[in-house]
Amino acid sequence: MKDKAYLSIRMNKQLHDKFQSAAAYEGRSMSGQILYLVNQYVRQFEKEHGPIDLLEQEQ
């Protein structure tokens, strides 16, 4: 699975439960909701700052 990276985060129980409820309301798992939000953020960032060149960062 070279094309997948894993992220683990810690949060307090109240935030966890609220986030889980909000994600379920949107029809997503918590993981799916996090991916949705991260994708939105990256799209907005690139819209404001231009494409992120991953090859350039590796050098």
PDB file of N, CA and C in Angstrom:
ATOM      1  N   MET A   1       0.823  -1.199   0.000  1.00  0.00           N
ATOM      2  CA  MET A   1       0.000   0.000   0.000  1.00  0.00           C
ATOM      3  C   MET A   1       0.865   1.260   0.000  1.00  0.00           C
ATOM      4  N   LYS A   2       1.644   1.441  -1.016  1.00  0.00           N
ATOM      5  CA  LYS A   2       2.506   2.610  -1.085  1.00  0.00           C
ATOM      6  C   LYS A   2       1.731   3.904  -1.288  1.00  0.00           C
ATOM      7  N   ASP A   3       0.530   3.814  -1.833  1.00  0.00           N
ATOM      8  CA  ASP A   3      -0.228   5.023  -2.140  1.00  0.00           C
ATOM      9  C   ASP A   3      -1.078   5.503  -0.963  1.00  0.00           C
ATOM     10  N   LYS A   4      -0.946   4.881   0.185  1.00  0.00           N
ATOM     11  CA  LYS A   4      -1.706   5.316   1.359  1.00  0.00           C
ATOM     12  C   LYS A   4      -0.759   5.666   2.486  1.00  0.00           C
ATOM     13  N   ALA A   5      -1.103   6.720   3.197  1.00  0.00           N
ATOM     14  CA  ALA A   5      -0.370   7.124   4.392  1.00  0.00           C
ATOM     15  C   ALA A   5      -1.370   7.136   5.539  1.00  0.00           C
ATOM     16  N   TYR A   6      -0.886   6.936   6.717  1.00  0.00           N
ATOM     17  CA  TYR A   6      -1.763   6.870   7.876  1.00  0.00           C
ATOM     18  C   TYR A   6      -1.504   8.040   8.811  1.00  0.00           C
ATOM     19  N   LEU A   7      -2.562   8.524   9.424  1.00  0.00           N
ATOM     20  CA  LEU A   7      -2.504   9.645  10.348  1.00  0.00           C
ATOM     21  C   LEU A   7      -3.295   9.278  11.590  1.00  0.00           C
ATOM     22  N   SER A   8      -2.699   9.456  12.717  1.00  0.00           N
ATOM     23  CA  SER A   8      -3.387   9.191  13.978  1.00  0.00           C
ATOM     24  C   SER A   8      -3.468  10.507  14.741  1.00  0.00           C
ATOM     25  N   ILE A   9      -4.646  10.837  15.240  1.00  0.00           N
ATOM     26  CA  ILE A   9      -4.794  12.068  16.012  1.00  0.00           C
ATOM     27  C   ILE A   9      -5.470  11.754  17.342  1.00  0.00           C
ATOM     28  N   ARG A  10      -5.196  12.591  18.303  1.00  0.00           N
ATOM     29  CA  ARG A  10      -5.829  12.465  19.611  1.00  0.00           C
ATOM     30  C   ARG A  10      -6.739  13.670  19.809  1.00  0.00           C
ATOM     31  N   MET A  11      -7.880  13.411  20.415  1.00  0.00           N
ATOM     32  CA  MET A  11      -8.799  14.500  20.738  1.00  0.00           C
ATOM     33  C   MET A  11      -9.564  14.109  21.992  1.00  0.00           C
ATOM     34  N   ASN A  12     -10.115  15.109  22.641  1.00  0.00           N
ATOM     35  CA  ASN A  12     -10.875  14.780  23.850  1.00  0.00           C
ATOM     36  C   ASN A  12     -12.173  14.077  23.466  1.00  0.00           C
ATOM     37  N   LYS A  13     -12.744  13.361  24.409  1.00  0.00           N
ATOM     38  CA  LYS A  13     -13.918  12.519  24.164  1.00  0.00           C
ATOM     39  C   LYS A  13     -15.119  13.327  23.669  1.00  0.00           C
ATOM     40  N   GLN A  14     -15.312  14.513  24.230  1.00  0.00           N
ATOM     41  CA  GLN A  14     -16.454  15.337  23.818  1.00  0.00           C
ATOM     42  C   GLN A  14     -16.333  15.737  22.347  1.00  0.00           C
ATOM     43  N   LEU A  15     -15.145  16.183  21.934  1.00  0.00           N
ATOM     44  CA  LEU A  15     -14.940  16.552  20.535  1.00  0.00           C
ATOM     45  C   LEU A  15     -15.099  15.326  19.645  1.00  0.00           C
ATOM     46  N   HIS A  16     -14.560  14.199  20.054  1.00  0.00           N
ATOM     47  CA  HIS A  16     -14.689  12.951  19.304  1.00  0.00           C
ATOM     48  C   HIS A  16     -16.163  12.615  19.066  1.00  0.00           C
ATOM     49  N   ASP A  17     -16.948  12.647  20.133  1.00  0.00           N
ATOM     50  CA  ASP A  17     -18.357  12.286  20.020  1.00  0.00           C
ATOM     51  C   ASP A  17     -19.130  13.262  19.145  1.00  0.00           C
ATOM     52  N   LYS A  18     -18.836  14.548  19.262  1.00  0.00           N
ATOM     53  CA  LYS A  18     -19.506  15.546  18.427  1.00  0.00           C
ATOM     54  C   LYS A  18     -19.113  15.386  16.962  1.00  0.00           C
ATOM     55  N   PHE A  19     -17.829  15.136  16.726  1.00  0.00           N
ATOM     56  CA  PHE A  19     -17.360  14.956  15.350  1.00  0.00           C
ATOM     57  C   PHE A  19     -17.989  13.705  14.735  1.00  0.00           C
ATOM     58  N   GLN A  20     -18.065  12.648  15.504  1.00  0.00           N
ATOM     59  CA  GLN A  20     -18.680  11.408  15.031  1.00  0.00           C
ATOM     60  C   GLN A  20     -20.143  11.644  14.664  1.00  0.00           C
ATOM     61  N   SER A  21     -20.852  12.395  15.480  1.00  0.00           N
ATOM     62  CA  SER A  21     -22.245  12.713  15.214  1.00  0.00           C
ATOM     63  C   SER A  21     -22.388  13.562  13.953  1.00  0.00           C
ATOM     64  N   ALA A  22     -21.543  14.568  13.800  1.00  0.00           N
ATOM     65  CA  ALA A  22     -21.593  15.440  12.624  1.00  0.00           C
ATOM     66  C   ALA A  22     -21.259  14.655  11.355  1.00  0.00           C
ATOM     67  N   ALA A  23     -20.267  13.784  11.425  1.00  0.00           N
ATOM     68  CA  ALA A  23     -19.891  12.969  10.267  1.00  0.00           C
ATOM     69  C   ALA A  23     -21.041  12.055   9.865  1.00  0.00           C
ATOM     70  N   ALA A  24     -21.676  11.428  10.853  1.00  0.00           N
ATOM     71  CA  ALA A  24     -22.812  10.541  10.578  1.00  0.00           C
ATOM     72  C   ALA A  24     -23.957  11.322   9.941  1.00  0.00           C
ATOM     73  N   TYR A  25     -24.185  12.543  10.390  1.00  0.00           N
ATOM     74  CA  TYR A  25     -25.224  13.394   9.810  1.00  0.00           C
ATOM     75  C   TYR A  25     -24.964  13.620   8.325  1.00  0.00           C
ATOM     76  N   GLU A  26     -23.686  13.761   7.965  1.00  0.00           N
ATOM     77  CA  GLU A  26     -23.296  13.968   6.569  1.00  0.00           C
ATOM     78  C   GLU A  26     -23.219  12.656   5.792  1.00  0.00           C
ATOM     79  N   GLY A  27     -23.477  11.535   6.475  1.00  0.00           N
ATOM     80  CA  GLY A  27     -23.443  10.240   5.807  1.00  0.00           C
ATOM     81  C   GLY A  27     -22.047   9.680   5.630  1.00  0.00           C
ATOM     82  N   ARG A  28     -21.120  10.114   6.476  1.00  0.00           N
ATOM     83  CA  ARG A  28     -19.738   9.664   6.365  1.00  0.00           C
ATOM     84  C   ARG A  28     -19.270   9.065   7.679  1.00  0.00           C
ATOM     85  N   SER A  29     -18.279   8.204   7.576  1.00  0.00           N
ATOM     86  CA  SER A  29     -17.581   7.741   8.769  1.00  0.00           C
ATOM     87  C   SER A  29     -16.693   8.888   9.241  1.00  0.00           C
ATOM     88  N   MET A  30     -16.135   8.757  10.411  1.00  0.00           N
ATOM     89  CA  MET A  30     -15.212   9.795  10.884  1.00  0.00           C
ATOM     90  C   MET A  30     -14.020   9.910   9.947  1.00  0.00           C
ATOM     91  N   SER A  31     -13.490   8.774   9.534  1.00  0.00           N
ATOM     92  CA  SER A  31     -12.348   8.775   8.622  1.00  0.00           C
ATOM     93  C   SER A  31     -12.719   9.428   7.289  1.00  0.00           C
ATOM     94  N   GLY A  32     -13.880   9.069   6.767  1.00  0.00           N
ATOM     95  CA  GLY A  32     -14.339   9.664   5.517  1.00  0.00           C
ATOM     96  C   GLY A  32     -14.542  11.162   5.633  1.00  0.00           C
ATOM     97  N   GLN A  33     -15.052  11.614   6.773  1.00  0.00           N
ATOM     98  CA  GLN A  33     -15.267  13.048   6.988  1.00  0.00           C
ATOM     99  C   GLN A  33     -13.932  13.777   7.068  1.00  0.00           C
ATOM    100  N   ILE A  34     -12.955  13.180   7.746  1.00  0.00           N
ATOM    101  CA  ILE A  34     -11.626  13.801   7.831  1.00  0.00           C
ATOM    102  C   ILE A  34     -11.017  13.924   6.441  1.00  0.00           C
ATOM    103  N   LEU A  35     -11.109  12.859   5.635  1.00  0.00           N
ATOM    104  CA  LEU A  35     -10.578  12.919   4.269  1.00  0.00           C
ATOM    105  C   LEU A  35     -11.286  13.985   3.447  1.00  0.00           C
ATOM    106  N   TYR A  36     -12.601  14.085   3.589  1.00  0.00           N
ATOM    107  CA  TYR A  36     -13.374  15.103   2.884  1.00  0.00           C
ATOM    108  C   TYR A  36     -12.877  16.504   3.263  1.00  0.00           C
ATOM    109  N   LEU A  37     -12.708  16.750   4.553  1.00  0.00           N
ATOM    110  CA  LEU A  37     -12.276  18.065   5.019  1.00  0.00           C
ATOM    111  C   LEU A  37     -10.842  18.377   4.596  1.00  0.00           C
ATOM    112  N   VAL A  38      -9.964  17.390   4.654  1.00  0.00           N
ATOM    113  CA  VAL A  38      -8.576  17.601   4.235  1.00  0.00           C
ATOM    114  C   VAL A  38      -8.526  17.909   2.742  1.00  0.00           C
ATOM    115  N   ASN A  39      -9.293  17.175   1.944  1.00  0.00           N
ATOM    116  CA  ASN A  39      -9.335  17.449   0.504  1.00  0.00           C
ATOM    117  C   ASN A  39      -9.852  18.847   0.215  1.00  0.00           C
ATOM    118  N   GLN A  40     -10.882  19.265   0.924  1.00  0.00           N
ATOM    119  CA  GLN A  40     -11.406  20.632   0.753  1.00  0.00           C
ATOM    120  C   GLN A  40     -10.326  21.659   1.075  1.00  0.00           C
ATOM    121  N   TYR A  41      -9.601  21.436   2.168  1.00  0.00           N
ATOM    122  CA  TYR A  41      -8.562  22.371   2.581  1.00  0.00           C
ATOM    123  C   TYR A  41      -7.458  22.465   1.522  1.00  0.00           C
ATOM    124  N   VAL A  42      -7.007  21.323   1.020  1.00  0.00           N
ATOM    125  CA  VAL A  42      -5.928  21.335   0.028  1.00  0.00           C
ATOM    126  C   VAL A  42      -6.390  22.030  -1.251  1.00  0.00           C
ATOM    127  N   ARG A  43      -7.618  21.746  -1.693  1.00  0.00           N
ATOM    128  CA  ARG A  43      -8.142  22.429  -2.881  1.00  0.00           C
ATOM    129  C   ARG A  43      -8.185  23.941  -2.686  1.00  0.00           C
ATOM    130  N   GLN A  44      -8.655  24.387  -1.520  1.00  0.00           N
ATOM    131  CA  GLN A  44      -8.724  25.820  -1.239  1.00  0.00           C
ATOM    132  C   GLN A  44      -7.328  26.427  -1.164  1.00  0.00           C
ATOM    133  N   PHE A  45      -6.399  25.724  -0.524  1.00  0.00           N
ATOM    134  CA  PHE A  45      -5.016  26.209  -0.415  1.00  0.00           C
ATOM    135  C   PHE A  45      -4.406  26.386  -1.807  1.00  0.00           C
ATOM    136  N   GLU A  46      -4.582  25.378  -2.667  1.00  0.00           N
ATOM    137  CA  GLU A  46      -4.017  25.466  -4.013  1.00  0.00           C
ATOM    138  C   GLU A  46      -4.719  26.547  -4.841  1.00  0.00           C
ATOM    139  N   LYS A  47      -5.994  26.765  -4.601  1.00  0.00           N
ATOM    140  CA  LYS A  47      -6.715  27.825  -5.299  1.00  0.00           C
ATOM    141  C   LYS A  47      -6.114  29.187  -4.948  1.00  0.00           C
ATOM    142  N   GLU A  48      -5.741  29.362  -3.686  1.00  0.00           N
ATOM    143  CA  GLU A  48      -5.199  30.639  -3.224  1.00  0.00           C
ATOM    144  C   GLU A  48      -3.706  30.787  -3.492  1.00  0.00           C
ATOM    145  N   HIS A  49      -2.955  29.680  -3.467  1.00  0.00           N
ATOM    146  CA  HIS A  49      -1.494  29.761  -3.525  1.00  0.00           C
ATOM    147  C   HIS A  49      -0.873  29.050  -4.717  1.00  0.00           C
ATOM    148  N   GLY A  50      -1.672  28.422  -5.549  1.00  0.00           N
ATOM    149  CA  GLY A  50      -1.159  27.671  -6.687  1.00  0.00           C
ATOM    150  C   GLY A  50      -0.911  26.221  -6.318  1.00  0.00           C
ATOM    151  N   PRO A  51      -0.707  25.406  -7.336  1.00  0.00           N
ATOM    152  CA  PRO A  51      -0.517  23.968  -7.103  1.00  0.00           C
ATOM    153  C   PRO A  51       0.681  23.670  -6.226  1.00  0.00           C
ATOM    154  N   ILE A  52       0.553  22.653  -5.410  1.00  0.00           N
ATOM    155  CA  ILE A  52       1.650  22.191  -4.575  1.00  0.00           C
ATOM    156  C   ILE A  52       2.452  21.208  -5.404  1.00  0.00           C
ATOM    157  N   ASP A  53       3.736  21.502  -5.615  1.00  0.00           N
ATOM    158  CA  ASP A  53       4.607  20.651  -6.417  1.00  0.00           C
ATOM    159  C   ASP A  53       5.353  19.696  -5.488  1.00  0.00           C
ATOM    160  N   LEU A  54       4.885  18.456  -5.406  1.00  0.00           N
ATOM    161  CA  LEU A  54       5.492  17.466  -4.508  1.00  0.00           C
ATOM    162  C   LEU A  54       6.897  17.087  -4.951  1.00  0.00           C
ATOM    163  N   LEU A  55       7.158  17.052  -6.257  1.00  0.00           N
ATOM    164  CA  LEU A  55       8.497  16.716  -6.742  1.00  0.00           C
ATOM    165  C   LEU A  55       9.507  17.764  -6.292  1.00  0.00           C
ATOM    166  N   GLU A  56       9.120  19.022  -6.307  1.00  0.00           N
ATOM    167  CA  GLU A  56      10.012  20.111  -5.881  1.00  0.00           C
ATOM    168  C   GLU A  56      10.360  19.981  -4.411  1.00  0.00           C
ATOM    169  N   GLN A  57       9.407  19.544  -3.585  1.00  0.00           N
ATOM    170  CA  GLN A  57       9.634  19.411  -2.160  1.00  0.00           C
ATOM    171  C   GLN A  57      10.583  18.263  -1.825  1.00  0.00           C
ATOM    172  N   GLU A  58      10.668  17.237  -2.672  1.00  0.00           N
ATOM    173  CA  GLU A  58      11.524  16.093  -2.430  1.00  0.00           C
ATOM    174  C   GLU A  58      12.991  16.419  -2.624  1.00  0.00           C
ATOM    175  N   GLN A  59      13.300  17.451  -3.371  1.00  0.00           N
ATOM    176  CA  GLN A  59      14.698  17.778  -3.689  1.00  0.00           C
ATOM    177  C   GLN A  59      15.352  18.570  -2.589  1.00  0.00           C
TER     178      GLN A  59
END
